[in-house]
Amino acid sequence: MSLTYESNGNSSADQRIAETELLRFATAGSVDDGKSTLIGRLLHDAKSILADQLAHVKETSERRGDGELNLALLTDGLRAEREQGITIDVAYRSFQTDKRRFIIADCPGHEQYTRNMVTGASTADLALVLVDARNGLVRQSRRHAAISALLRTPHLVVAINKMDLVDYDQAVYDAIVADFKSWSNGLEFAEARFIPISALKGDNVVEPSTNMDWYDGPTLLHHLETVEIAGDRNLEDWRFPVQWVIRPQNDERHHDYRGYAGQVAAGVLTPGEEVVVLPSGRTTKLAGIDTLDGPLPEAFPPQSVTLLLEDDLDVSRGDLIARAGEANPPTVARELEAIVCWMSDQPLRAGGRYALKHTTRSVRAIVDAIDWHLDVETLAREDNDHGLELNEIGHVRLRLSAPLAFDPYARNRETGSFILIDEATNDTVGAGLIATPEG
């Protein structure tokens, strides 16, 4: 399994995508690294808190005897989290500045919540790993960075927090940076950035710190506002999973209309090009692109549109429309190999049967074999003779009831991922990343 991140670019499409950019970033760290305080500081200093929310936090801080405004209460919404002072579930928060919109996935860092961490990081453009300056790099910090690399999160920020508690000492910061670089030599991100901060005091979070004049890099918010993410999307390959077939039944004016609605997963789609419908393999041309606001000359991720085809083919929900004859076509097969994060108390064993949901298509799957499981701190593969237990990650071979059209996760996160569902309970029990044939 390679961890090299491959970025595809199309400059004109990049420019258009940038106009409506949304940055999703996932945060995680060890207990007491100050993650909730950091998110609260971001929201507070970016003026993204309603007055009644701020008043409630002030009142709660006073009642608890915190001594000052406890910004962590803005994100620790669950009662159990507030009582224990830890984050135990993925909490999503959104805010906006003049330059960009943001969605934060606040992930737990503890090992027993690996499945929650995978859920939060799976759609992130950027991973934010918090390190306590007093403790340096610890087990949970390594786990989150390793899982983010495994999930192909393009950008990494290591925020070295609580610099105020080490007298803003540059030597402490430099030692942690050197330690992280040495350990993460086998991980590859499109970009990695190190920022010394104090979430409690506000140093280098939104405003530059006057206590660390030795640091000349951006503040955390400035970096989040300016990091380039448009080029991270795959704009070379065409991928359009069909979600719905639109055929008006009671409108005589449009009785011949037949459209295929869904969200563009990759590529810049333009009318006139030849396309192939998978898994059937039938070809036609893209006649047009419709939206509620009218036709479009092109479509790109993550737009939701309706495609019109020149020929009346048998296309249904779950089919994948791709460009015909492209250099990197989807694989169509009834077998696949994947890295699976197991999310159930009941272990994953060879011979297990599950429902598999991939983009908009669902099939049944049988577990042929579990080859190895992963040490997410070192990325070492370890022999597997017991299956996958809760929160373990491993290499799994699956046999499917019907063919799927898919890509390796390394090339396309949307068409290279799936979930496994226990059909008896309808619970999601596994998250899979489709591997290249060599694993």
Foldseek 3Di string as FASTA:
>chain_A
DALAFDWADDVVVLVVQQVADEAEEEEEEAQPLCLLLLVLLLCVVLVVDDPVLQVVQQVVCVVVVVVDRRSSCSFQPDPVCVVVVFDQAFDWDWDDHPQHTYIYTYAYQDLLRLVRLLVRLLPGLEYEYGAALVPADDDSSLLSQLSNSVSQNAEYEYEHEPCVVVQVDVVSQVVSVVVVCVQCVRGDHNYYYYHYYYSVVGDLAQDHDPSHPVDDDHRNVVCSSDPRRSRRAAAQKWKWAFAFWDADDPDPVRNVDIWTKGFTQYHKAAWPAKKAKPPVRDIFTFHFKADPVGTDRIDGPGDIIITDTPDDDPDGGGIIIIGPPDPAFFDKDQKFKWKKFFADQDFDDQQDKWWKQAQRDIWIKGWHDWAFWAPSSNRDTDGDDDGGHHGIITMTMIGTPGIHGADACSNTSRRQKIFTAHPVVRDTTMIIGTHDVVD
